[in-house]
Amino acid sequence: MNPAEPGAIVALVTHARLVPAVERERFAVRLRDELTGKALLLETCHRVEGYVICPDDAERMALAVLMPAGGRALTGEPAVRHAIAVAVGRDSVVVGEDQVLHQLRESVDRARRDGGLDPILERLFALALHAGRRARSWRQGPARSLADVALAAIERQRGSIRGREVLVIGAGKMGRLAARAVVASTRASSRMSER
């Protein structure tokens, strides 16, 4: 690589499909320790990813050591494609769900506050967020979250929740989404039975 050339975009990717939660959490700690102020860190319930500009192969090799078993290091175009796929919701448990776009936007804002984003990463994530908003603008029907999918699975196994008590464990965003899904499902069931 010519010293005048910008470095390559590297995406360090771990996902629940291949990396257990404990290992993803350890990976997130290592990324924060090594890359705060130099990278964008995306943490969701299913993924931990770090995006950084690496000027040379030696630095890319040093980053690869941080990866747990099952993680992937993507460089250049594959890293860019992955970032956009994440933003548009193609790599989500619920394809096209809104949570990951919101989490990505928060990660970009946090990276800016923690020392700024490299201009290359700034441009990549501006494009990725735009692509994510645009992809969702084409959606027909209501947005579905992981909580909606989980509730549908419960109802397939146990029957309608209408008239039953439901315990939602968790007070975070996913807990709130689950509570909203329960309320919406109960209201929909009530409207169906009134007809």
N, C-alpha and C. Protein backbone atom coordinates (compact mmCIF):
# COMPACT_ATOMS: atom_id res chain seq x y z
N MET A 1 0.86 -1.18 0.00
CA MET A 1 0.00 0.00 0.00
C MET A 1 0.89 1.23 0.00
N ASN A 2 0.60 2.15 -0.84
CA ASN A 2 1.33 3.42 -0.92
C ASN A 2 1.05 4.24 0.34
N PRO A 3 2.06 4.84 0.98
CA PRO A 3 1.83 5.61 2.21
C PRO A 3 0.83 6.75 2.02
N ALA A 4 0.66 7.25 0.81
CA ALA A 4 -0.29 8.33 0.57
C ALA A 4 -1.72 7.83 0.48
N GLU A 5 -1.90 6.51 0.28
CA GLU A 5 -3.24 5.97 0.18
C GLU A 5 -3.89 5.88 1.54
N PRO A 6 -5.21 6.07 1.59
CA PRO A 6 -5.89 5.89 2.88
C PRO A 6 -5.86 4.41 3.26
N GLY A 7 -6.03 4.15 4.53
CA GLY A 7 -6.07 2.76 4.99
C GLY A 7 -7.33 2.05 4.54
N ALA A 8 -7.36 0.76 4.77
CA ALA A 8 -8.51 -0.06 4.41
C ALA A 8 -9.53 -0.07 5.54
N ILE A 9 -10.79 -0.15 5.17
CA ILE A 9 -11.86 -0.31 6.14
C ILE A 9 -11.83 -1.77 6.59
N VAL A 10 -11.82 -1.98 7.89
CA VAL A 10 -11.85 -3.33 8.45
C VAL A 10 -13.06 -3.43 9.37
N ALA A 11 -13.84 -4.48 9.18
CA ALA A 11 -14.98 -4.78 10.05
C ALA A 11 -14.66 -6.05 10.82
N LEU A 12 -14.66 -5.96 12.13
CA LEU A 12 -14.47 -7.11 13.00
C LEU A 12 -15.87 -7.51 13.47
N VAL A 13 -16.34 -8.68 13.06
CA VAL A 13 -17.74 -9.05 13.19
C VAL A 13 -17.92 -10.30 14.03
N THR A 14 -18.75 -10.21 15.06
CA THR A 14 -19.18 -11.39 15.79
C THR A 14 -20.71 -11.36 15.84
N HIS A 15 -21.31 -12.51 15.67
CA HIS A 15 -22.77 -12.62 15.64
C HIS A 15 -23.19 -13.82 16.47
N ALA A 16 -24.39 -13.75 17.03
CA ALA A 16 -24.92 -14.82 17.87
C ALA A 16 -24.99 -16.16 17.13
N ARG A 17 -25.06 -16.13 15.81
CA ARG A 17 -25.11 -17.39 15.05
C ARG A 17 -23.87 -18.25 15.31
N LEU A 18 -22.71 -17.59 15.53
CA LEU A 18 -21.45 -18.32 15.62
C LEU A 18 -20.64 -18.06 16.89
N VAL A 19 -20.96 -17.00 17.61
CA VAL A 19 -20.17 -16.63 18.78
C VAL A 19 -21.10 -16.48 19.98
N PRO A 20 -20.87 -17.25 21.05
CA PRO A 20 -21.73 -17.16 22.24
C PRO A 20 -21.69 -15.77 22.87
N ALA A 21 -22.75 -15.44 23.61
CA ALA A 21 -22.89 -14.11 24.21
C ALA A 21 -21.70 -13.75 25.10
N VAL A 22 -21.22 -14.68 25.89
CA VAL A 22 -20.09 -14.38 26.78
C VAL A 22 -18.87 -13.96 25.97
N GLU A 23 -18.60 -14.66 24.88
CA GLU A 23 -17.46 -14.31 24.04
C GLU A 23 -17.67 -12.98 23.33
N ARG A 24 -18.91 -12.68 22.92
CA ARG A 24 -19.19 -11.38 22.29
C ARG A 24 -18.97 -10.25 23.30
N GLU A 25 -19.37 -10.47 24.56
CA GLU A 25 -19.16 -9.44 25.59
C GLU A 25 -17.68 -9.21 25.84
N ARG A 26 -16.89 -10.28 25.91
CA ARG A 26 -15.45 -10.13 26.09
C ARG A 26 -14.83 -9.39 24.91
N PHE A 27 -15.30 -9.72 23.73
CA PHE A 27 -14.81 -9.06 22.51
C PHE A 27 -15.12 -7.57 22.56
N ALA A 28 -16.33 -7.21 23.01
CA ALA A 28 -16.71 -5.80 23.11
C ALA A 28 -15.78 -5.06 24.08
N VAL A 29 -15.45 -5.69 25.20
CA VAL A 29 -14.54 -5.07 26.16
C VAL A 29 -13.16 -4.85 25.53
N ARG A 30 -12.66 -5.87 24.81
CA ARG A 30 -11.36 -5.73 24.15
C ARG A 30 -11.38 -4.61 23.12
N LEU A 31 -12.47 -4.53 22.35
CA LEU A 31 -12.57 -3.47 21.34
C LEU A 31 -12.59 -2.09 22.01
N ARG A 32 -13.35 -1.96 23.08
CA ARG A 32 -13.39 -0.66 23.78
C ARG A 32 -12.01 -0.30 24.31
N ASP A 33 -11.32 -1.27 24.86
CA ASP A 33 -9.98 -1.01 25.41
C ASP A 33 -8.99 -0.62 24.31
N GLU A 34 -9.06 -1.28 23.17
CA GLU A 34 -8.07 -1.07 22.10
C GLU A 34 -8.42 0.05 21.13
N LEU A 35 -9.73 0.26 20.90
CA LEU A 35 -10.12 1.09 19.76
C LEU A 35 -10.94 2.34 20.09
N THR A 36 -11.24 2.61 21.35
CA THR A 36 -12.03 3.80 21.67
C THR A 36 -11.34 5.04 21.11
N GLY A 37 -12.10 5.84 20.42
CA GLY A 37 -11.57 7.06 19.81
C GLY A 37 -11.02 6.84 18.42
N LYS A 38 -10.92 5.57 18.00
CA LYS A 38 -10.38 5.27 16.67
C LYS A 38 -11.35 4.49 15.80
N ALA A 39 -12.46 4.03 16.37
CA ALA A 39 -13.32 3.12 15.63
C ALA A 39 -14.78 3.32 16.00
N LEU A 40 -15.64 2.66 15.25
CA LEU A 40 -17.05 2.62 15.56
C LEU A 40 -17.33 1.23 16.12
N LEU A 41 -17.98 1.18 17.27
CA LEU A 41 -18.34 -0.08 17.91
C LEU A 41 -19.86 -0.20 17.91
N LEU A 42 -20.36 -1.29 17.33
CA LEU A 42 -21.80 -1.57 17.30
C LEU A 42 -22.07 -2.78 18.17
N GLU A 43 -22.90 -2.59 19.20
CA GLU A 43 -23.28 -3.68 20.10
C GLU A 43 -24.80 -3.80 20.11
N THR A 44 -25.30 -4.97 19.78
CA THR A 44 -26.72 -5.26 19.87
C THR A 44 -26.86 -6.58 20.63
N CYS A 45 -28.09 -7.04 20.80
CA CYS A 45 -28.26 -8.30 21.51
C CYS A 45 -27.74 -9.49 20.69
N HIS A 46 -27.54 -9.33 19.40
CA HIS A 46 -27.08 -10.43 18.55
C HIS A 46 -25.70 -10.22 17.95
N ARG A 47 -25.12 -9.05 18.10
CA ARG A 47 -23.84 -8.79 17.44
C ARG A 47 -22.97 -7.82 18.22
N VAL A 48 -21.67 -7.97 18.03
CA VAL A 48 -20.69 -6.96 18.42
C VAL A 48 -19.79 -6.81 17.21
N GLU A 49 -19.67 -5.57 16.74
CA GLU A 49 -18.86 -5.30 15.56
C GLU A 49 -18.02 -4.05 15.80
N GLY A 50 -16.82 -4.07 15.28
CA GLY A 50 -15.96 -2.91 15.32
C GLY A 50 -15.53 -2.56 13.91
N TYR A 51 -15.60 -1.29 13.57
CA TYR A 51 -15.19 -0.80 12.24
C TYR A 51 -14.05 0.17 12.45
N VAL A 52 -12.96 -0.04 11.74
CA VAL A 52 -11.77 0.77 11.93
C VAL A 52 -11.03 0.92 10.61
N ILE A 53 -10.25 1.97 10.48
CA ILE A 53 -9.39 2.14 9.32
C ILE A 53 -8.00 1.64 9.71
N CYS A 54 -7.48 0.69 8.96
CA CYS A 54 -6.14 0.14 9.22
C CYS A 54 -5.21 0.58 8.11
N PRO A 55 -4.11 1.23 8.47
CA PRO A 55 -3.19 1.73 7.45
C PRO A 55 -2.34 0.64 6.80
N ASP A 56 -2.19 -0.50 7.47
CA ASP A 56 -1.29 -1.51 6.88
C ASP A 56 -1.67 -2.92 7.35
N ASP A 57 -1.03 -3.90 6.74
CA ASP A 57 -1.30 -5.30 7.06
C ASP A 57 -0.93 -5.64 8.49
N ALA A 58 0.11 -5.04 9.02
CA ALA A 58 0.53 -5.34 10.40
C ALA A 58 -0.57 -4.98 11.39
N GLU A 59 -1.19 -3.82 11.19
CA GLU A 59 -2.27 -3.42 12.09
C GLU A 59 -3.49 -4.31 11.92
N ARG A 60 -3.78 -4.72 10.69
CA ARG A 60 -4.90 -5.64 10.45
C ARG A 60 -4.66 -6.97 11.17
N MET A 61 -3.43 -7.45 11.12
CA MET A 61 -3.09 -8.70 11.80
C MET A 61 -3.24 -8.55 13.32
N ALA A 62 -2.85 -7.39 13.85
CA ALA A 62 -2.97 -7.15 15.29
C ALA A 62 -4.44 -7.15 15.70
N LEU A 63 -5.32 -6.60 14.86
CA LEU A 63 -6.75 -6.59 15.17
C LEU A 63 -7.34 -7.99 15.12
N ALA A 64 -6.88 -8.80 14.18
CA ALA A 64 -7.41 -10.16 14.03
C ALA A 64 -7.20 -10.97 15.30
N VAL A 65 -6.16 -10.66 16.07
CA VAL A 65 -5.89 -11.37 17.32
C VAL A 65 -7.02 -11.14 18.34
N LEU A 66 -7.71 -10.02 18.24
CA LEU A 66 -8.80 -9.71 19.17
C LEU A 66 -10.03 -10.59 18.96
N MET A 67 -10.15 -11.19 17.77
CA MET A 67 -11.37 -11.91 17.39
C MET A 67 -11.53 -13.22 18.15
N PRO A 68 -12.73 -13.49 18.66
CA PRO A 68 -12.98 -14.80 19.24
C PRO A 68 -13.23 -15.83 18.13
N ALA A 69 -13.19 -17.10 18.48
CA ALA A 69 -13.50 -18.15 17.52
C ALA A 69 -14.91 -17.92 16.98
N GLY A 70 -15.06 -18.03 15.67
CA GLY A 70 -16.35 -17.81 15.04
C GLY A 70 -16.53 -16.39 14.52
N GLY A 71 -15.65 -15.48 14.92
CA GLY A 71 -15.72 -14.11 14.44
C GLY A 71 -15.10 -13.99 13.05
N ARG A 72 -15.40 -12.90 12.38
CA ARG A 72 -14.86 -12.68 11.03
C ARG A 72 -14.23 -11.30 10.96
N ALA A 73 -13.15 -11.21 10.22
CA ALA A 73 -12.52 -9.92 9.92
C ALA A 73 -12.71 -9.68 8.43
N LEU A 74 -13.44 -8.64 8.08
CA LEU A 74 -13.71 -8.29 6.69
C LEU A 74 -12.92 -7.03 6.35
N THR A 75 -12.30 -7.02 5.18
CA THR A 75 -11.47 -5.87 4.78
C THR A 75 -11.92 -5.35 3.43
N GLY A 76 -11.96 -4.02 3.30
CA GLY A 76 -12.27 -3.40 2.02
C GLY A 76 -13.74 -3.53 1.65
N GLU A 77 -13.98 -3.91 0.41
CA GLU A 77 -15.36 -3.99 -0.10
C GLU A 77 -16.26 -4.92 0.71
N PRO A 78 -15.80 -6.11 1.12
CA PRO A 78 -16.67 -6.95 1.96
C PRO A 78 -17.08 -6.25 3.27
N ALA A 79 -16.19 -5.46 3.85
CA ALA A 79 -16.53 -4.72 5.08
C ALA A 79 -17.60 -3.67 4.79
N VAL A 80 -17.46 -2.97 3.68
CA VAL A 80 -18.44 -1.95 3.29
C VAL A 80 -19.79 -2.60 3.02
N ARG A 81 -19.81 -3.68 2.27
CA ARG A 81 -21.06 -4.39 1.98
C ARG A 81 -21.73 -4.86 3.27
N HIS A 82 -20.94 -5.37 4.20
CA HIS A 82 -21.50 -5.85 5.46
C HIS A 82 -22.14 -4.69 6.24
N ALA A 83 -21.45 -3.55 6.34
CA ALA A 83 -21.99 -2.40 7.08
C ALA A 83 -23.34 -1.97 6.50
N ILE A 84 -23.44 -1.97 5.19
CA ILE A 84 -24.71 -1.56 4.56
C ILE A 84 -25.78 -2.63 4.76
N ALA A 85 -25.40 -3.91 4.68
CA ALA A 85 -26.37 -4.99 4.92
C ALA A 85 -26.92 -4.91 6.35
N VAL A 86 -26.08 -4.58 7.30
CA VAL A 86 -26.53 -4.42 8.68
C VAL A 86 -27.52 -3.25 8.77
N ALA A 87 -27.18 -2.13 8.16
CA ALA A 87 -28.03 -0.93 8.23
C ALA A 87 -29.40 -1.16 7.59
N VAL A 88 -29.44 -1.88 6.49
CA VAL A 88 -30.74 -2.08 5.82
C VAL A 88 -31.54 -3.22 6.46
N GLY A 89 -30.91 -3.95 7.38
CA GLY A 89 -31.63 -5.01 8.08
C GLY A 89 -31.54 -6.37 7.44
N ARG A 90 -30.64 -6.56 6.48
CA ARG A 90 -30.51 -7.86 5.82
C ARG A 90 -29.85 -8.90 6.71
N ASP A 91 -29.07 -8.45 7.68
CA ASP A 91 -28.34 -9.37 8.55
C ASP A 91 -28.96 -9.43 9.94
N SER A 92 -30.26 -9.14 10.03
CA SER A 92 -30.96 -9.14 11.31
C SER A 92 -31.73 -10.45 11.48
N VAL A 93 -32.02 -10.76 12.73
CA VAL A 93 -32.85 -11.94 13.01
C VAL A 93 -34.22 -11.74 12.38
N VAL A 94 -34.74 -10.53 12.48
CA VAL A 94 -35.99 -10.15 11.81
C VAL A 94 -35.59 -9.21 10.68
N VAL A 95 -35.62 -9.71 9.46
CA VAL A 95 -35.14 -8.93 8.32
C VAL A 95 -35.89 -7.60 8.24
N GLY A 96 -35.11 -6.52 8.18
CA GLY A 96 -35.69 -5.19 8.04
C GLY A 96 -36.18 -4.54 9.32
N GLU A 97 -35.97 -5.18 10.48
CA GLU A 97 -36.46 -4.59 11.72
C GLU A 97 -35.76 -3.26 11.98
N ASP A 98 -36.43 -2.41 12.75
CA ASP A 98 -35.96 -1.04 12.95
C ASP A 98 -34.88 -0.89 14.03
N GLN A 99 -34.83 -1.80 14.99
CA GLN A 99 -33.93 -1.64 16.13
C GLN A 99 -32.48 -1.48 15.71
N VAL A 100 -32.02 -2.31 14.78
CA VAL A 100 -30.59 -2.27 14.43
C VAL A 100 -30.22 -0.93 13.79
N LEU A 101 -31.12 -0.33 13.02
CA LEU A 101 -30.82 0.97 12.43
C LEU A 101 -30.68 2.03 13.52
N HIS A 102 -31.56 1.97 14.51
CA HIS A 102 -31.48 2.91 15.63
C HIS A 102 -30.18 2.68 16.41
N GLN A 103 -29.83 1.42 16.65
CA GLN A 103 -28.60 1.11 17.39
C GLN A 103 -27.37 1.56 16.61
N LEU A 104 -27.41 1.42 15.30
CA LEU A 104 -26.29 1.87 14.48
C LEU A 104 -26.15 3.39 14.55
N ARG A 105 -27.26 4.10 14.49
CA ARG A 105 -27.25 5.56 14.59
C ARG A 105 -26.65 5.98 15.94
N GLU A 106 -27.05 5.31 17.02
CA GLU A 106 -26.49 5.61 18.34
C GLU A 106 -24.99 5.33 18.39
N SER A 107 -24.55 4.26 17.73
CA SER A 107 -23.12 3.92 17.70
C SER A 107 -22.32 4.98 16.96
N VAL A 108 -22.87 5.49 15.87
CA VAL A 108 -22.20 6.56 15.12
C VAL A 108 -22.09 7.81 16.00
N ASP A 109 -23.17 8.17 16.67
CA ASP A 109 -23.14 9.34 17.55
C ASP A 109 -22.12 9.16 18.67
N ARG A 110 -22.07 7.98 19.27
CA ARG A 110 -21.12 7.70 20.35
C ARG A 110 -19.67 7.77 19.85
N ALA A 111 -19.42 7.23 18.66
CA ALA A 111 -18.06 7.28 18.09
C ALA A 111 -17.64 8.72 17.85
N ARG A 112 -18.56 9.54 17.41
CA ARG A 112 -18.24 10.96 17.21
C ARG A 112 -17.88 11.62 18.54
N ARG A 113 -18.66 11.33 19.60
CA ARG A 113 -18.39 11.92 20.91
C ARG A 113 -17.07 11.42 21.50
N ASP A 114 -16.71 10.16 21.23
CA ASP A 114 -15.51 9.56 21.82
C ASP A 114 -14.22 9.93 21.13
N GLY A 115 -14.25 10.82 20.21
CA GLY A 115 -13.00 11.23 19.58
C GLY A 115 -13.11 11.38 18.09
N GLY A 116 -14.29 11.28 17.59
CA GLY A 116 -14.48 11.49 16.16
C GLY A 116 -14.29 10.23 15.35
N LEU A 117 -14.90 10.22 14.24
CA LEU A 117 -14.78 9.12 13.29
C LEU A 117 -13.82 9.54 12.19
N ASP A 118 -13.05 8.60 11.75
CA ASP A 118 -12.23 8.83 10.56
C ASP A 118 -13.18 9.28 9.45
N PRO A 119 -12.79 10.22 8.60
CA PRO A 119 -13.68 10.69 7.53
C PRO A 119 -14.18 9.56 6.62
N ILE A 120 -13.38 8.52 6.44
CA ILE A 120 -13.83 7.40 5.60
C ILE A 120 -14.98 6.66 6.29
N LEU A 121 -14.85 6.41 7.59
CA LEU A 121 -15.93 5.75 8.33
C LEU A 121 -17.15 6.66 8.44
N GLU A 122 -16.91 7.94 8.61
CA GLU A 122 -18.02 8.91 8.67
C GLU A 122 -18.86 8.82 7.38
N ARG A 123 -18.19 8.79 6.25
CA ARG A 123 -18.89 8.71 4.96
C ARG A 123 -19.58 7.36 4.79
N LEU A 124 -18.89 6.27 5.16
CA LEU A 124 -19.50 4.93 5.05
C LEU A 124 -20.80 4.87 5.84
N PHE A 125 -20.78 5.33 7.08
CA PHE A 125 -21.98 5.19 7.91
C PHE A 125 -23.05 6.21 7.57
N ALA A 126 -22.69 7.35 6.99
CA ALA A 126 -23.71 8.26 6.46
C ALA A 126 -24.46 7.57 5.33
N LEU A 127 -23.72 6.90 4.45
CA LEU A 127 -24.36 6.16 3.34
C LEU A 127 -25.16 4.97 3.86
N ALA A 128 -24.61 4.25 4.83
CA ALA A 128 -25.30 3.07 5.38
C ALA A 128 -26.61 3.47 6.06
N LEU A 129 -26.59 4.53 6.86
CA LEU A 129 -27.81 5.00 7.52
C LEU A 129 -28.84 5.47 6.50
N HIS A 130 -28.38 6.15 5.47
CA HIS A 130 -29.29 6.59 4.40
C HIS A 130 -29.92 5.36 3.72
N ALA A 131 -29.10 4.36 3.41
CA ALA A 131 -29.61 3.13 2.79
C ALA A 131 -30.62 2.43 3.70
N GLY A 132 -30.34 2.42 4.99
CA GLY A 132 -31.25 1.80 5.94
C GLY A 132 -32.59 2.50 5.99
N ARG A 133 -32.58 3.83 6.03
CA ARG A 133 -33.85 4.59 6.03
C ARG A 133 -34.61 4.36 4.73
N ARG A 134 -33.88 4.37 3.63
CA ARG A 134 -34.52 4.20 2.33
C ARG A 134 -35.14 2.80 2.20
N ALA A 135 -34.43 1.78 2.63
CA ALA A 135 -34.96 0.42 2.56
C ALA A 135 -36.24 0.29 3.38
N ARG A 136 -36.28 0.93 4.53
CA ARG A 136 -37.47 0.83 5.37
C ARG A 136 -38.64 1.66 4.81
N SER A 137 -38.34 2.66 4.01
CA SER A 137 -39.42 3.47 3.42
C SER A 137 -40.22 2.66 2.40
N TRP A 138 -39.65 1.57 1.91
CA TRP A 138 -40.35 0.73 0.94
C TRP A 138 -41.19 -0.36 1.61
N ARG A 139 -41.06 -0.47 2.91
CA ARG A 139 -41.76 -1.54 3.64
C ARG A 139 -43.27 -1.32 3.58
N GLN A 140 -43.98 -2.39 3.42
CA GLN A 140 -45.43 -2.34 3.44
C GLN A 140 -45.90 -3.02 4.72
N GLY A 141 -46.88 -2.45 5.36
CA GLY A 141 -47.38 -3.02 6.59
C GLY A 141 -46.59 -2.52 7.79
N PRO A 142 -47.01 -2.94 8.97
CA PRO A 142 -46.34 -2.48 10.19
C PRO A 142 -44.95 -3.09 10.33
N ALA A 143 -44.09 -2.35 11.02
CA ALA A 143 -42.74 -2.85 11.30
C ALA A 143 -42.85 -4.01 12.29
N ARG A 144 -41.96 -5.01 12.13
CA ARG A 144 -41.92 -6.15 13.06
C ARG A 144 -40.60 -6.14 13.80
N SER A 145 -40.69 -6.41 15.07
CA SER A 145 -39.48 -6.47 15.90
C SER A 145 -39.25 -7.92 16.32
N LEU A 146 -38.13 -8.15 16.93
CA LEU A 146 -37.83 -9.47 17.47
C LEU A 146 -38.87 -9.86 18.52
N ALA A 147 -39.36 -8.88 19.27
CA ALA A 147 -40.40 -9.14 20.27
C ALA A 147 -41.68 -9.65 19.60
N ASP A 148 -42.04 -9.07 18.45
CA ASP A 148 -43.23 -9.54 17.72
C ASP A 148 -43.07 -10.99 17.28
N VAL A 149 -41.90 -11.32 16.79
CA VAL A 149 -41.62 -12.68 16.33
C VAL A 149 -41.67 -13.65 17.50
N ALA A 150 -41.09 -13.25 18.64
CA ALA A 150 -41.10 -14.10 19.83
C ALA A 150 -42.53 -14.34 20.31
N LEU A 151 -43.34 -13.29 20.33
CA LEU A 151 -44.73 -13.42 20.77
C LEU A 151 -45.50 -14.34 19.83
N ALA A 152 -45.29 -14.20 18.53
CA ALA A 152 -45.97 -15.09 17.56
C ALA A 152 -45.57 -16.54 17.80
N ALA A 153 -44.31 -16.79 18.12
CA ALA A 153 -43.86 -18.16 18.40
C ALA A 153 -44.53 -18.70 19.66
N ILE A 154 -44.63 -17.86 20.69
CA ILE A 154 -45.31 -18.28 21.93
C ILE A 154 -46.76 -18.63 21.64
N GLU A 155 -47.44 -17.78 20.86
CA GLU A 155 -48.85 -18.03 20.56
C GLU A 155 -49.03 -19.29 19.71
N ARG A 156 -48.07 -19.58 18.83
CA ARG A 156 -48.17 -20.83 18.05
C ARG A 156 -48.06 -22.05 18.96
N GLN A 157 -47.22 -21.95 19.98
CA GLN A 157 -47.01 -23.08 20.89
C GLN A 157 -48.07 -23.18 21.97
N ARG A 158 -48.52 -22.04 22.50
CA ARG A 158 -49.39 -22.04 23.68
C ARG A 158 -50.79 -21.49 23.43
N GLY A 159 -51.06 -21.00 22.24
CA GLY A 159 -52.36 -20.42 21.94
C GLY A 159 -52.36 -18.93 22.22
N SER A 160 -53.50 -18.32 21.96
CA SER A 160 -53.64 -16.87 22.10
C SER A 160 -53.34 -16.42 23.52
N ILE A 161 -52.80 -15.24 23.65
CA ILE A 161 -52.50 -14.70 24.97
C ILE A 161 -53.68 -13.90 25.51
N ARG A 162 -54.69 -13.72 24.70
CA ARG A 162 -55.86 -12.93 25.11
C ARG A 162 -56.45 -13.51 26.39
N GLY A 163 -56.62 -12.64 27.38
CA GLY A 163 -57.20 -13.05 28.65
C GLY A 163 -56.22 -13.76 29.57
N ARG A 164 -54.97 -13.87 29.18
CA ARG A 164 -53.98 -14.55 30.00
C ARG A 164 -52.97 -13.54 30.54
N GLU A 165 -52.36 -13.87 31.66
CA GLU A 165 -51.32 -13.02 32.21
C GLU A 165 -50.02 -13.32 31.48
N VAL A 166 -49.27 -12.25 31.20
CA VAL A 166 -47.99 -12.38 30.52
C VAL A 166 -46.95 -11.65 31.36
N LEU A 167 -45.85 -12.34 31.64
CA LEU A 167 -44.76 -11.74 32.39
C LEU A 167 -43.64 -11.40 31.41
N VAL A 168 -43.29 -10.13 31.36
CA VAL A 168 -42.17 -9.68 30.53
C VAL A 168 -41.01 -9.41 31.47
N ILE A 169 -39.91 -10.11 31.26
CA ILE A 169 -38.73 -9.92 32.10
C ILE A 169 -37.76 -9.03 31.35
N GLY A 170 -37.38 -7.95 31.97
CA GLY A 170 -36.45 -7.01 31.35
C GLY A 170 -37.07 -5.63 31.29
N ALA A 171 -36.28 -4.65 31.60
CA ALA A 171 -36.79 -3.28 31.61
C ALA A 171 -36.14 -2.44 30.53
N GLY A 172 -35.28 -3.03 29.72
CA GLY A 172 -34.60 -2.30 28.66
C GLY A 172 -35.48 -2.14 27.44
N LYS A 173 -34.86 -1.81 26.34
CA LYS A 173 -35.58 -1.58 25.09
C LYS A 173 -36.33 -2.83 24.64
N MET A 174 -35.66 -3.99 24.74
CA MET A 174 -36.32 -5.22 24.30
C MET A 174 -37.51 -5.55 25.21
N GLY A 175 -37.39 -5.27 26.51
CA GLY A 175 -38.51 -5.48 27.42
C GLY A 175 -39.69 -4.59 27.06
N ARG A 176 -39.40 -3.32 26.75
CA ARG A 176 -40.48 -2.41 26.33
C ARG A 176 -41.11 -2.86 25.02
N LEU A 177 -40.28 -3.30 24.06
CA LEU A 177 -40.83 -3.81 22.79
C LEU A 177 -41.70 -5.03 23.03
N ALA A 178 -41.27 -5.92 23.92
CA ALA A 178 -42.06 -7.11 24.23
C ALA A 178 -43.40 -6.72 24.85
N ALA A 179 -43.38 -5.76 25.80
CA ALA A 179 -44.62 -5.32 26.42
C ALA A 179 -45.56 -4.70 25.39
N ARG A 180 -45.01 -3.88 24.50
CA ARG A 180 -45.84 -3.29 23.44
C ARG A 180 -46.43 -4.36 22.51
N ALA A 181 -45.63 -5.37 22.19
CA ALA A 181 -46.11 -6.45 21.32
C ALA A 181 -47.26 -7.19 21.98
N VAL A 182 -47.16 -7.43 23.29
CA VAL A 182 -48.23 -8.11 24.03
C VAL A 182 -49.50 -7.27 24.00
N VAL A 183 -49.37 -5.98 24.29
CA VAL A 183 -50.53 -5.08 24.29
C VAL A 183 -51.15 -5.04 22.89
N ALA A 184 -50.33 -4.88 21.86
CA ALA A 184 -50.85 -4.81 20.49
C ALA A 184 -51.54 -6.11 20.10
N SER A 185 -50.99 -7.25 20.49
CA SER A 185 -51.59 -8.54 20.16
C SER A 185 -52.93 -8.71 20.88
N THR A 186 -52.99 -8.28 22.13
CA THR A 186 -54.23 -8.38 22.89
C THR A 186 -55.31 -7.50 22.28
N ARG A 187 -54.93 -6.29 21.88
CA ARG A 187 -55.90 -5.39 21.23
C ARG A 187 -56.38 -5.97 19.91
N ALA A 188 -55.46 -6.53 19.11
CA ALA A 188 -55.84 -7.12 17.83
C ALA A 188 -56.78 -8.29 18.04
N SER A 189 -56.50 -9.12 19.06
CA SER A 189 -57.38 -10.24 19.36
C SER A 189 -58.76 -9.77 19.76
N SER A 190 -58.83 -8.68 20.55
CA SER A 190 -60.10 -8.13 20.99
C SER A 190 -60.91 -7.61 19.80
N ARG A 191 -60.25 -6.93 18.87
CA ARG A 191 -60.95 -6.42 17.69
C ARG A 191 -61.47 -7.55 16.83
N MET A 192 -60.69 -8.63 16.71
CA MET A 192 -61.11 -9.78 15.90
C MET A 192 -62.33 -10.45 16.50
N SER A 193 -62.37 -10.56 17.84
CA SER A 193 -63.49 -11.25 18.48
C SER A 193 -64.76 -10.40 18.48
N GLU A 194 -64.60 -9.06 18.35
CA GLU A 194 -65.77 -8.18 18.29
C GLU A 194 -66.48 -8.25 16.96
N ARG A 195 -65.80 -8.74 15.94
CA ARG A 195 -66.39 -8.76 14.60
C ARG A 195 -67.31 -9.88 14.44
